[in-house]
Amino acid sequence: MLPRPGLFAAGELAAAVTGVASALRAGSSPAHAWLTVTGIVVGPHGVPALADLLPAGLSQHRTGRGLREQHVRRARAVVAAGRLAAELGTPLGPVLDRVARTLESDEELDADRRAALAGPRSTATVLRWLPVLGVVLGAALGADPLGVLLDGGLGATSALAGAVLLGAGHVWTRRLVLAAQTPGDR
C-alpha cells in the first residue's frame, strides 16, 4: 500500500500500477483495486484522474522541467491505457501490466541517464571552483593574486575575460546536461 493518494515518487507509479493489475487479476473491480492499492478513488470505468497520479506538490520550481514532464507523461500513459481499456471493453489488468513494464523500463533508462550525467556534473562543479582555488593557492604561496587581478591593468582584464568565459562555460554545460536529461529525439 502506498502512503497516500497522489504521492507517487519516482518508481512508485510503476509499482502502484503493477499492484492494481495484480488486484484486478485476483478478481477486484477496477475501483476497488485502485482504492485498496493506492488510495485513489476512481470513476465507474476504473480510470484515475491525471492529478491523482502525479507527485504531490509537483511544480517547475521544485523540480526540473524535464523531470516534471516525465512524471506527467507517465501518468498520462496510465490514464490513456485505462480509458482505452474501458472504451474497447478490454480487461484492464493485462493493459496495466504492459503499462507497468513500460514505466519500469522508462524509469530504468532515467536512472541510467542520471548515472551517466553524474561525471559531467561533478566535472563542471570542479571547474567552476578552480579559479577561486587558484587565487587561494596563490595567496597561500605568498603571491598577491588579488592585487594583480584588481590593479586595473592586464590582471583586471584577464579576470574579466576569465569570468565571462567561466559564465559562458557554465551556461553551455548546463544546457548540455539539460538536453541529455530530457528524453526524446532532439
N, C-alpha and C. Protein backbone atom coordinates (compact mmCIF):
# COMPACT_ATOMS: atom_id res chain seq x y z
N MET A 1 0.85 -1.18 0.00
CA MET A 1 0.00 0.00 0.00
C MET A 1 0.88 1.23 0.00
N LEU A 2 0.61 2.15 -0.88
CA LEU A 2 1.37 3.39 -0.98
C LEU A 2 0.89 4.38 0.07
N PRO A 3 1.72 5.37 0.46
CA PRO A 3 1.40 6.25 1.56
C PRO A 3 0.04 6.93 1.48
N ARG A 4 -0.19 7.78 0.51
CA ARG A 4 -1.45 8.50 0.36
C ARG A 4 -1.69 8.72 -1.11
N PRO A 5 -2.93 8.96 -1.51
CA PRO A 5 -3.21 9.19 -2.92
C PRO A 5 -2.43 10.39 -3.44
N GLY A 6 -1.91 10.26 -4.65
CA GLY A 6 -1.25 11.37 -5.31
C GLY A 6 0.17 11.62 -4.84
N LEU A 7 0.76 10.70 -4.08
CA LEU A 7 2.13 10.90 -3.62
C LEU A 7 3.05 9.87 -4.27
N PHE A 8 3.11 9.88 -5.58
CA PHE A 8 3.92 8.91 -6.29
C PHE A 8 5.28 9.52 -6.60
N ALA A 9 6.29 9.05 -5.91
CA ALA A 9 7.65 9.48 -6.21
C ALA A 9 8.15 8.64 -7.37
N ALA A 10 9.38 8.94 -7.81
CA ALA A 10 9.96 8.19 -8.92
C ALA A 10 9.98 6.70 -8.55
N GLY A 11 9.49 5.88 -9.44
CA GLY A 11 9.49 4.44 -9.22
C GLY A 11 8.23 3.91 -8.58
N GLU A 12 7.46 4.76 -7.91
CA GLU A 12 6.27 4.28 -7.22
C GLU A 12 5.08 4.10 -8.14
N LEU A 13 5.02 4.88 -9.21
CA LEU A 13 3.88 4.75 -10.11
C LEU A 13 3.85 3.37 -10.77
N ALA A 14 5.00 2.90 -11.21
CA ALA A 14 5.06 1.57 -11.82
C ALA A 14 4.65 0.50 -10.81
N ALA A 15 5.10 0.64 -9.58
CA ALA A 15 4.74 -0.33 -8.54
C ALA A 15 3.24 -0.28 -8.25
N ALA A 16 2.67 0.92 -8.24
CA ALA A 16 1.25 1.06 -8.00
C ALA A 16 0.43 0.43 -9.12
N VAL A 17 0.85 0.67 -10.35
CA VAL A 17 0.13 0.11 -11.50
C VAL A 17 0.23 -1.41 -11.49
N THR A 18 1.39 -1.93 -11.14
CA THR A 18 1.56 -3.38 -11.03
C THR A 18 0.64 -3.95 -9.94
N GLY A 19 0.57 -3.24 -8.82
CA GLY A 19 -0.31 -3.68 -7.73
C GLY A 19 -1.77 -3.68 -8.14
N VAL A 20 -2.19 -2.66 -8.85
CA VAL A 20 -3.58 -2.59 -9.31
C VAL A 20 -3.85 -3.73 -10.30
N ALA A 21 -2.93 -3.98 -11.20
CA ALA A 21 -3.11 -5.07 -12.17
C ALA A 21 -3.21 -6.42 -11.44
N SER A 22 -2.41 -6.60 -10.40
CA SER A 22 -2.47 -7.85 -9.63
C SER A 22 -3.81 -7.99 -8.92
N ALA A 23 -4.29 -6.89 -8.35
CA ALA A 23 -5.60 -6.92 -7.68
C ALA A 23 -6.71 -7.24 -8.68
N LEU A 24 -6.59 -6.70 -9.89
CA LEU A 24 -7.59 -6.99 -10.93
C LEU A 24 -7.56 -8.47 -11.31
N ARG A 25 -6.37 -9.04 -11.43
CA ARG A 25 -6.26 -10.47 -11.75
C ARG A 25 -6.83 -11.33 -10.63
N ALA A 26 -6.79 -10.81 -9.39
CA ALA A 26 -7.32 -11.55 -8.25
C ALA A 26 -8.83 -11.43 -8.13
N GLY A 27 -9.44 -10.62 -9.02
CA GLY A 27 -10.89 -10.53 -9.05
C GLY A 27 -11.48 -9.23 -8.54
N SER A 28 -10.67 -8.28 -8.16
CA SER A 28 -11.19 -6.99 -7.70
C SER A 28 -11.75 -6.19 -8.87
N SER A 29 -12.69 -5.33 -8.57
CA SER A 29 -13.16 -4.39 -9.59
C SER A 29 -12.10 -3.30 -9.73
N PRO A 30 -12.09 -2.60 -10.87
CA PRO A 30 -11.10 -1.53 -11.03
C PRO A 30 -11.17 -0.49 -9.91
N ALA A 31 -12.37 -0.08 -9.52
CA ALA A 31 -12.49 0.93 -8.47
C ALA A 31 -11.92 0.42 -7.15
N HIS A 32 -12.22 -0.83 -6.82
CA HIS A 32 -11.72 -1.41 -5.57
C HIS A 32 -10.20 -1.61 -5.64
N ALA A 33 -9.70 -2.04 -6.77
CA ALA A 33 -8.26 -2.26 -6.92
C ALA A 33 -7.49 -0.96 -6.74
N TRP A 34 -7.92 0.11 -7.41
CA TRP A 34 -7.23 1.40 -7.27
C TRP A 34 -7.30 1.90 -5.83
N LEU A 35 -8.47 1.74 -5.21
CA LEU A 35 -8.65 2.24 -3.85
C LEU A 35 -7.79 1.47 -2.85
N THR A 36 -7.77 0.15 -2.94
CA THR A 36 -7.02 -0.63 -1.95
C THR A 36 -5.51 -0.53 -2.16
N VAL A 37 -5.07 -0.46 -3.39
CA VAL A 37 -3.63 -0.42 -3.65
C VAL A 37 -3.05 0.98 -3.47
N THR A 38 -3.77 1.99 -3.95
CA THR A 38 -3.20 3.33 -3.97
C THR A 38 -3.94 4.35 -3.12
N GLY A 39 -5.17 4.04 -2.75
CA GLY A 39 -5.97 5.02 -2.03
C GLY A 39 -6.68 6.00 -2.94
N ILE A 40 -6.60 5.78 -4.25
CA ILE A 40 -7.22 6.68 -5.22
C ILE A 40 -8.66 6.21 -5.50
N VAL A 41 -9.58 7.15 -5.44
CA VAL A 41 -10.97 6.88 -5.79
C VAL A 41 -11.12 7.16 -7.28
N VAL A 42 -11.59 6.17 -8.03
CA VAL A 42 -11.75 6.32 -9.47
C VAL A 42 -13.23 6.27 -9.82
N GLY A 43 -13.53 6.68 -11.04
CA GLY A 43 -14.90 6.67 -11.53
C GLY A 43 -15.36 5.27 -11.86
N PRO A 44 -16.56 5.16 -12.43
CA PRO A 44 -17.15 3.85 -12.72
C PRO A 44 -16.37 3.06 -13.77
N HIS A 45 -15.61 3.71 -14.60
CA HIS A 45 -14.84 2.99 -15.63
C HIS A 45 -13.47 2.55 -15.13
N GLY A 46 -13.13 2.91 -13.89
CA GLY A 46 -11.85 2.47 -13.33
C GLY A 46 -10.67 3.26 -13.81
N VAL A 47 -10.88 4.49 -14.23
CA VAL A 47 -9.80 5.33 -14.74
C VAL A 47 -9.49 6.43 -13.72
N PRO A 48 -8.27 6.46 -13.20
CA PRO A 48 -7.93 7.51 -12.25
C PRO A 48 -7.76 8.87 -12.95
N ALA A 49 -7.90 9.92 -12.17
CA ALA A 49 -7.67 11.27 -12.70
C ALA A 49 -6.16 11.49 -12.81
N LEU A 50 -5.77 12.25 -13.79
CA LEU A 50 -4.35 12.53 -14.01
C LEU A 50 -3.71 13.13 -12.76
N ALA A 51 -4.38 14.06 -12.13
CA ALA A 51 -3.83 14.74 -10.95
C ALA A 51 -3.56 13.76 -9.81
N ASP A 52 -4.35 12.69 -9.71
CA ASP A 52 -4.16 11.71 -8.64
C ASP A 52 -2.90 10.87 -8.83
N LEU A 53 -2.38 10.82 -10.04
CA LEU A 53 -1.20 10.00 -10.32
C LEU A 53 0.10 10.79 -10.27
N LEU A 54 0.02 12.10 -10.10
CA LEU A 54 1.21 12.93 -10.06
C LEU A 54 1.70 13.10 -8.63
N PRO A 55 3.01 13.26 -8.43
CA PRO A 55 3.52 13.51 -7.08
C PRO A 55 2.93 14.80 -6.52
N ALA A 56 2.63 14.80 -5.24
CA ALA A 56 2.09 15.99 -4.60
C ALA A 56 3.10 17.12 -4.67
N GLY A 57 2.61 18.32 -4.95
CA GLY A 57 3.48 19.49 -4.98
C GLY A 57 4.42 19.52 -6.17
N LEU A 58 4.12 18.77 -7.20
CA LEU A 58 4.99 18.76 -8.36
C LEU A 58 4.86 20.10 -9.08
N SER A 59 5.92 20.87 -9.05
CA SER A 59 5.91 22.17 -9.72
C SER A 59 7.25 22.36 -10.40
N GLN A 60 7.29 23.32 -11.30
CA GLN A 60 8.53 23.59 -12.01
C GLN A 60 9.55 24.26 -11.11
N HIS A 61 9.12 24.82 -9.99
CA HIS A 61 10.06 25.47 -9.10
C HIS A 61 10.84 24.46 -8.27
N ARG A 62 10.20 23.37 -7.89
CA ARG A 62 10.86 22.38 -7.04
C ARG A 62 11.55 21.29 -7.83
N THR A 63 11.13 21.07 -9.05
CA THR A 63 11.73 20.03 -9.87
C THR A 63 12.10 20.63 -11.21
N GLY A 64 13.02 19.99 -11.88
CA GLY A 64 13.37 20.45 -13.21
C GLY A 64 12.22 20.24 -14.17
N ARG A 65 12.23 21.02 -15.23
CA ARG A 65 11.16 20.93 -16.21
C ARG A 65 11.11 19.53 -16.82
N GLY A 66 12.27 18.95 -17.13
CA GLY A 66 12.30 17.61 -17.71
C GLY A 66 11.72 16.56 -16.79
N LEU A 67 12.02 16.67 -15.50
CA LEU A 67 11.50 15.70 -14.53
C LEU A 67 9.99 15.83 -14.42
N ARG A 68 9.49 17.05 -14.39
CA ARG A 68 8.04 17.27 -14.31
C ARG A 68 7.37 16.67 -15.54
N GLU A 69 7.92 16.90 -16.72
CA GLU A 69 7.34 16.37 -17.95
C GLU A 69 7.34 14.85 -17.96
N GLN A 70 8.38 14.24 -17.39
CA GLN A 70 8.43 12.78 -17.32
C GLN A 70 7.32 12.24 -16.44
N HIS A 71 7.11 12.86 -15.27
CA HIS A 71 6.04 12.41 -14.38
C HIS A 71 4.68 12.55 -15.06
N VAL A 72 4.45 13.68 -15.71
CA VAL A 72 3.18 13.92 -16.39
C VAL A 72 2.98 12.92 -17.52
N ARG A 73 4.04 12.68 -18.29
CA ARG A 73 3.95 11.74 -19.41
C ARG A 73 3.61 10.33 -18.93
N ARG A 74 4.23 9.91 -17.84
CA ARG A 74 3.95 8.57 -17.31
C ARG A 74 2.52 8.47 -16.78
N ALA A 75 2.08 9.49 -16.08
CA ALA A 75 0.72 9.48 -15.55
C ALA A 75 -0.30 9.48 -16.69
N ARG A 76 -0.01 10.26 -17.73
CA ARG A 76 -0.92 10.27 -18.89
C ARG A 76 -1.01 8.90 -19.55
N ALA A 77 0.10 8.18 -19.58
CA ALA A 77 0.09 6.84 -20.18
C ALA A 77 -0.84 5.92 -19.40
N VAL A 78 -0.82 6.02 -18.08
CA VAL A 78 -1.69 5.18 -17.26
C VAL A 78 -3.16 5.54 -17.50
N VAL A 79 -3.46 6.83 -17.52
CA VAL A 79 -4.84 7.28 -17.74
C VAL A 79 -5.31 6.86 -19.14
N ALA A 80 -4.45 7.05 -20.14
CA ALA A 80 -4.83 6.67 -21.52
C ALA A 80 -5.08 5.17 -21.63
N ALA A 81 -4.25 4.37 -20.96
CA ALA A 81 -4.45 2.92 -21.01
C ALA A 81 -5.77 2.54 -20.36
N GLY A 82 -6.10 3.18 -19.25
CA GLY A 82 -7.38 2.90 -18.59
C GLY A 82 -8.57 3.29 -19.45
N ARG A 83 -8.47 4.45 -20.09
CA ARG A 83 -9.56 4.89 -20.96
C ARG A 83 -9.72 3.97 -22.17
N LEU A 84 -8.59 3.57 -22.75
CA LEU A 84 -8.63 2.69 -23.91
C LEU A 84 -9.27 1.35 -23.55
N ALA A 85 -8.85 0.79 -22.42
CA ALA A 85 -9.42 -0.49 -22.00
C ALA A 85 -10.92 -0.35 -21.74
N ALA A 86 -11.33 0.76 -21.14
CA ALA A 86 -12.76 0.98 -20.87
C ALA A 86 -13.55 1.13 -22.16
N GLU A 87 -13.01 1.88 -23.11
CA GLU A 87 -13.73 2.10 -24.38
C GLU A 87 -13.84 0.83 -25.20
N LEU A 88 -12.78 0.03 -25.20
CA LEU A 88 -12.78 -1.18 -26.02
C LEU A 88 -13.37 -2.39 -25.30
N GLY A 89 -13.60 -2.25 -23.99
CA GLY A 89 -14.13 -3.38 -23.23
C GLY A 89 -13.07 -4.43 -22.96
N THR A 90 -11.82 -4.05 -23.07
CA THR A 90 -10.70 -4.97 -22.83
C THR A 90 -10.46 -5.09 -21.33
N PRO A 91 -10.08 -6.26 -20.86
CA PRO A 91 -9.75 -6.38 -19.43
C PRO A 91 -8.61 -5.42 -19.07
N LEU A 92 -8.78 -4.69 -17.99
CA LEU A 92 -7.83 -3.66 -17.59
C LEU A 92 -6.52 -4.23 -17.06
N GLY A 93 -6.58 -5.39 -16.42
CA GLY A 93 -5.38 -5.98 -15.81
C GLY A 93 -4.21 -6.16 -16.77
N PRO A 94 -4.41 -6.88 -17.88
CA PRO A 94 -3.29 -7.06 -18.82
C PRO A 94 -2.78 -5.74 -19.42
N VAL A 95 -3.69 -4.80 -19.62
CA VAL A 95 -3.28 -3.50 -20.16
C VAL A 95 -2.38 -2.80 -19.15
N LEU A 96 -2.79 -2.81 -17.88
CA LEU A 96 -1.98 -2.17 -16.85
C LEU A 96 -0.66 -2.90 -16.62
N ASP A 97 -0.65 -4.22 -16.80
CA ASP A 97 0.62 -4.96 -16.70
C ASP A 97 1.61 -4.45 -17.74
N ARG A 98 1.14 -4.27 -18.96
CA ARG A 98 2.00 -3.79 -20.05
C ARG A 98 2.48 -2.36 -19.77
N VAL A 99 1.57 -1.53 -19.30
CA VAL A 99 1.95 -0.15 -18.97
C VAL A 99 2.98 -0.14 -17.84
N ALA A 100 2.80 -0.99 -16.83
CA ALA A 100 3.75 -1.05 -15.71
C ALA A 100 5.13 -1.45 -16.19
N ARG A 101 5.20 -2.43 -17.09
CA ARG A 101 6.51 -2.84 -17.62
C ARG A 101 7.16 -1.69 -18.38
N THR A 102 6.36 -0.94 -19.13
CA THR A 102 6.89 0.20 -19.87
C THR A 102 7.36 1.28 -18.91
N LEU A 103 6.61 1.54 -17.85
CA LEU A 103 7.02 2.53 -16.86
C LEU A 103 8.32 2.13 -16.17
N GLU A 104 8.43 0.85 -15.83
CA GLU A 104 9.66 0.36 -15.20
C GLU A 104 10.86 0.54 -16.13
N SER A 105 10.66 0.20 -17.40
CA SER A 105 11.74 0.36 -18.38
C SER A 105 12.14 1.82 -18.52
N ASP A 106 11.15 2.68 -18.55
CA ASP A 106 11.39 4.12 -18.66
C ASP A 106 12.16 4.64 -17.45
N GLU A 107 11.78 4.17 -16.27
CA GLU A 107 12.45 4.59 -15.04
C GLU A 107 13.89 4.07 -14.99
N GLU A 108 14.12 2.86 -15.50
CA GLU A 108 15.49 2.33 -15.57
C GLU A 108 16.35 3.18 -16.50
N LEU A 109 15.78 3.59 -17.63
CA LEU A 109 16.51 4.45 -18.54
C LEU A 109 16.84 5.79 -17.90
N ASP A 110 15.91 6.32 -17.12
CA ASP A 110 16.18 7.58 -16.42
C ASP A 110 17.30 7.41 -15.40
N ALA A 111 17.31 6.29 -14.70
CA ALA A 111 18.37 6.04 -13.73
C ALA A 111 19.73 5.92 -14.43
N ASP A 112 19.74 5.25 -15.57
CA ASP A 112 20.99 5.14 -16.34
C ASP A 112 21.45 6.51 -16.83
N ARG A 113 20.50 7.32 -17.25
CA ARG A 113 20.83 8.66 -17.73
C ARG A 113 21.41 9.50 -16.59
N ARG A 114 20.80 9.43 -15.41
CA ARG A 114 21.32 10.18 -14.26
C ARG A 114 22.72 9.72 -13.89
N ALA A 115 22.95 8.42 -13.94
CA ALA A 115 24.28 7.89 -13.62
C ALA A 115 25.31 8.35 -14.64
N ALA A 116 24.93 8.37 -15.91
CA ALA A 116 25.86 8.81 -16.95
C ALA A 116 26.17 10.30 -16.83
N LEU A 117 25.24 11.08 -16.30
CA LEU A 117 25.46 12.52 -16.18
C LEU A 117 26.14 12.92 -14.88
N ALA A 118 26.33 11.99 -13.96
CA ALA A 118 26.98 12.33 -12.69
C ALA A 118 28.41 12.81 -12.90
N GLY A 119 29.13 12.17 -13.81
CA GLY A 119 30.52 12.58 -14.09
C GLY A 119 30.60 13.98 -14.66
N PRO A 120 29.87 14.29 -15.73
CA PRO A 120 29.92 15.66 -16.25
C PRO A 120 29.48 16.72 -15.25
N ARG A 121 28.51 16.40 -14.42
CA ARG A 121 28.08 17.38 -13.41
C ARG A 121 29.18 17.66 -12.41
N SER A 122 29.82 16.60 -11.93
CA SER A 122 30.88 16.81 -10.94
C SER A 122 32.08 17.53 -11.57
N THR A 123 32.37 17.23 -12.83
CA THR A 123 33.45 17.93 -13.52
C THR A 123 33.14 19.42 -13.65
N ALA A 124 31.91 19.73 -13.99
CA ALA A 124 31.51 21.14 -14.10
C ALA A 124 31.63 21.85 -12.77
N THR A 125 31.30 21.17 -11.68
CA THR A 125 31.42 21.78 -10.36
C THR A 125 32.88 22.05 -10.01
N VAL A 126 33.74 21.09 -10.30
CA VAL A 126 35.18 21.28 -10.03
C VAL A 126 35.72 22.43 -10.86
N LEU A 127 35.37 22.48 -12.13
CA LEU A 127 35.86 23.55 -13.00
C LEU A 127 35.35 24.92 -12.56
N ARG A 128 34.17 24.96 -11.99
CA ARG A 128 33.61 26.22 -11.52
C ARG A 128 34.41 26.77 -10.34
N TRP A 129 34.95 25.89 -9.51
CA TRP A 129 35.67 26.32 -8.32
C TRP A 129 37.17 26.48 -8.55
N LEU A 130 37.68 26.06 -9.67
CA LEU A 130 39.13 26.15 -9.92
C LEU A 130 39.68 27.58 -9.86
N PRO A 131 39.04 28.58 -10.43
CA PRO A 131 39.60 29.93 -10.33
C PRO A 131 39.72 30.42 -8.88
N VAL A 132 38.74 30.13 -8.08
CA VAL A 132 38.79 30.53 -6.67
C VAL A 132 39.93 29.80 -5.97
N LEU A 133 40.05 28.52 -6.26
CA LEU A 133 41.13 27.73 -5.66
C LEU A 133 42.50 28.27 -6.10
N GLY A 134 42.61 28.69 -7.35
CA GLY A 134 43.87 29.26 -7.84
C GLY A 134 44.25 30.53 -7.10
N VAL A 135 43.28 31.39 -6.85
CA VAL A 135 43.55 32.63 -6.11
C VAL A 135 43.96 32.30 -4.67
N VAL A 136 43.26 31.36 -4.04
CA VAL A 136 43.59 30.99 -2.66
C VAL A 136 44.97 30.36 -2.59
N LEU A 137 45.29 29.46 -3.51
CA LEU A 137 46.61 28.83 -3.51
C LEU A 137 47.71 29.85 -3.79
N GLY A 138 47.46 30.76 -4.71
CA GLY A 138 48.43 31.82 -5.00
C GLY A 138 48.72 32.66 -3.77
N ALA A 139 47.67 33.01 -3.05
CA ALA A 139 47.85 33.79 -1.82
C ALA A 139 48.57 32.97 -0.76
N ALA A 140 48.28 31.69 -0.67
CA ALA A 140 48.94 30.83 0.31
C ALA A 140 50.43 30.67 0.02
N LEU A 141 50.81 30.75 -1.26
CA LEU A 141 52.22 30.61 -1.64
C LEU A 141 52.97 31.95 -1.56
N GLY A 142 52.29 32.99 -1.16
CA GLY A 142 52.95 34.27 -0.98
C GLY A 142 52.80 35.24 -2.13
N ALA A 143 52.14 34.86 -3.17
CA ALA A 143 51.91 35.78 -4.29
C ALA A 143 50.75 36.71 -3.93
N ASP A 144 50.52 37.69 -4.74
CA ASP A 144 49.44 38.64 -4.50
C ASP A 144 48.44 38.56 -5.66
N PRO A 145 47.69 37.45 -5.78
CA PRO A 145 46.79 37.32 -6.93
C PRO A 145 45.68 38.37 -6.92
N LEU A 146 45.15 38.71 -5.76
CA LEU A 146 44.09 39.72 -5.71
C LEU A 146 44.62 41.09 -6.13
N GLY A 147 45.83 41.40 -5.74
CA GLY A 147 46.42 42.67 -6.16
C GLY A 147 46.59 42.73 -7.67
N VAL A 148 47.03 41.63 -8.26
CA VAL A 148 47.21 41.59 -9.72
C VAL A 148 45.86 41.68 -10.43
N LEU A 149 44.85 40.96 -9.89
CA LEU A 149 43.54 40.95 -10.54
C LEU A 149 42.80 42.28 -10.40
N LEU A 150 43.09 43.01 -9.34
CA LEU A 150 42.36 44.26 -9.08
C LEU A 150 43.17 45.51 -9.40
N ASP A 151 44.33 45.36 -10.05
CA ASP A 151 45.19 46.53 -10.31
C ASP A 151 44.69 47.42 -11.44
N GLY A 152 43.70 47.00 -12.17
CA GLY A 152 43.16 47.82 -13.25
C GLY A 152 43.87 47.64 -14.57
N GLY A 153 44.89 46.85 -14.62
CA GLY A 153 45.64 46.65 -15.87
C GLY A 153 45.30 45.32 -16.51
N LEU A 154 46.36 44.66 -16.94
CA LEU A 154 46.23 43.37 -17.63
C LEU A 154 45.59 42.31 -16.72
N GLY A 155 45.89 42.36 -15.42
CA GLY A 155 45.30 41.39 -14.48
C GLY A 155 43.79 41.54 -14.40
N ALA A 156 43.30 42.78 -14.35
CA ALA A 156 41.86 43.02 -14.29
C ALA A 156 41.19 42.58 -15.58
N THR A 157 41.83 42.85 -16.70
CA THR A 157 41.29 42.43 -18.00
C THR A 157 41.21 40.91 -18.07
N SER A 158 42.26 40.24 -17.58
CA SER A 158 42.28 38.78 -17.57
C SER A 158 41.18 38.23 -16.65
N ALA A 159 40.99 38.88 -15.50
CA ALA A 159 39.95 38.43 -14.57
C ALA A 159 38.57 38.58 -15.19
N LEU A 160 38.35 39.71 -15.87
CA LEU A 160 37.05 39.93 -16.51
C LEU A 160 36.81 38.92 -17.63
N ALA A 161 37.84 38.72 -18.47
CA ALA A 161 37.71 37.74 -19.56
C ALA A 161 37.49 36.33 -19.00
N GLY A 162 38.19 36.00 -17.93
CA GLY A 162 38.02 34.69 -17.30
C GLY A 162 36.62 34.51 -16.73
N ALA A 163 36.09 35.57 -16.11
CA ALA A 163 34.74 35.50 -15.54
C ALA A 163 33.70 35.31 -16.64
N VAL A 164 33.88 36.03 -17.75
CA VAL A 164 32.95 35.89 -18.88
C VAL A 164 33.02 34.48 -19.45
N LEU A 165 34.20 33.97 -19.65
CA LEU A 165 34.36 32.60 -20.18
C LEU A 165 33.84 31.55 -19.20
N LEU A 166 34.07 31.77 -17.91
CA LEU A 166 33.57 30.84 -16.91
C LEU A 166 32.03 30.82 -16.93
N GLY A 167 31.42 31.99 -17.02
CA GLY A 167 29.96 32.07 -17.10
C GLY A 167 29.43 31.40 -18.36
N ALA A 168 30.09 31.66 -19.49
CA ALA A 168 29.66 31.04 -20.75
C ALA A 168 29.81 29.52 -20.68
N GLY A 169 30.89 29.06 -20.09
CA GLY A 169 31.09 27.61 -19.94
C GLY A 169 30.05 26.99 -19.04
N HIS A 170 29.69 27.71 -17.98
CA HIS A 170 28.65 27.20 -17.07
C HIS A 170 27.31 27.08 -17.80
N VAL A 171 26.94 28.11 -18.54
CA VAL A 171 25.67 28.09 -19.29
C VAL A 171 25.69 26.97 -20.33
N TRP A 172 26.78 26.83 -21.04
CA TRP A 172 26.89 25.80 -22.07
C TRP A 172 26.79 24.41 -21.45
N THR A 173 27.53 24.18 -20.38
CA THR A 173 27.50 22.87 -19.72
C THR A 173 26.10 22.57 -19.19
N ARG A 174 25.46 23.56 -18.62
CA ARG A 174 24.10 23.37 -18.09
C ARG A 174 23.13 23.00 -19.21
N ARG A 175 23.25 23.66 -20.35
CA ARG A 175 22.37 23.33 -21.49
C ARG A 175 22.63 21.92 -21.99
N LEU A 176 23.89 21.51 -22.05
CA LEU A 176 24.21 20.15 -22.49
C LEU A 176 23.63 19.11 -21.54
N VAL A 177 23.77 19.35 -20.25
CA VAL A 177 23.25 18.40 -19.26
C VAL A 177 21.72 18.35 -19.34
N LEU A 178 21.07 19.52 -19.45
CA LEU A 178 19.61 19.53 -19.55
C LEU A 178 19.13 18.83 -20.81
N ALA A 179 19.85 19.02 -21.91
CA ALA A 179 19.48 18.34 -23.16
C ALA A 179 19.64 16.84 -23.02
N ALA A 180 20.67 16.41 -22.31
CA ALA A 180 20.89 14.98 -22.13
C ALA A 180 19.88 14.38 -21.16
N GLN A 181 19.36 15.18 -20.22
CA GLN A 181 18.39 14.68 -19.26
C GLN A 181 17.03 14.48 -19.89
N THR A 182 16.67 15.29 -20.85
CA THR A 182 15.35 15.25 -21.42
C THR A 182 15.24 14.10 -22.41
N PRO A 183 14.33 13.17 -22.17
CA PRO A 183 14.17 12.06 -23.10
C PRO A 183 13.53 12.52 -24.39
N GLY A 184 13.74 11.76 -25.42
CA GLY A 184 13.15 12.07 -26.72
C GLY A 184 14.19 12.50 -27.73
N ASP A 185 13.76 12.59 -28.95
CA ASP A 185 14.66 12.99 -30.03
C ASP A 185 14.78 14.50 -30.06
N ARG A 186 15.96 14.97 -30.37
CA ARG A 186 16.22 16.41 -30.48
C ARG A 186 16.75 16.69 -31.85
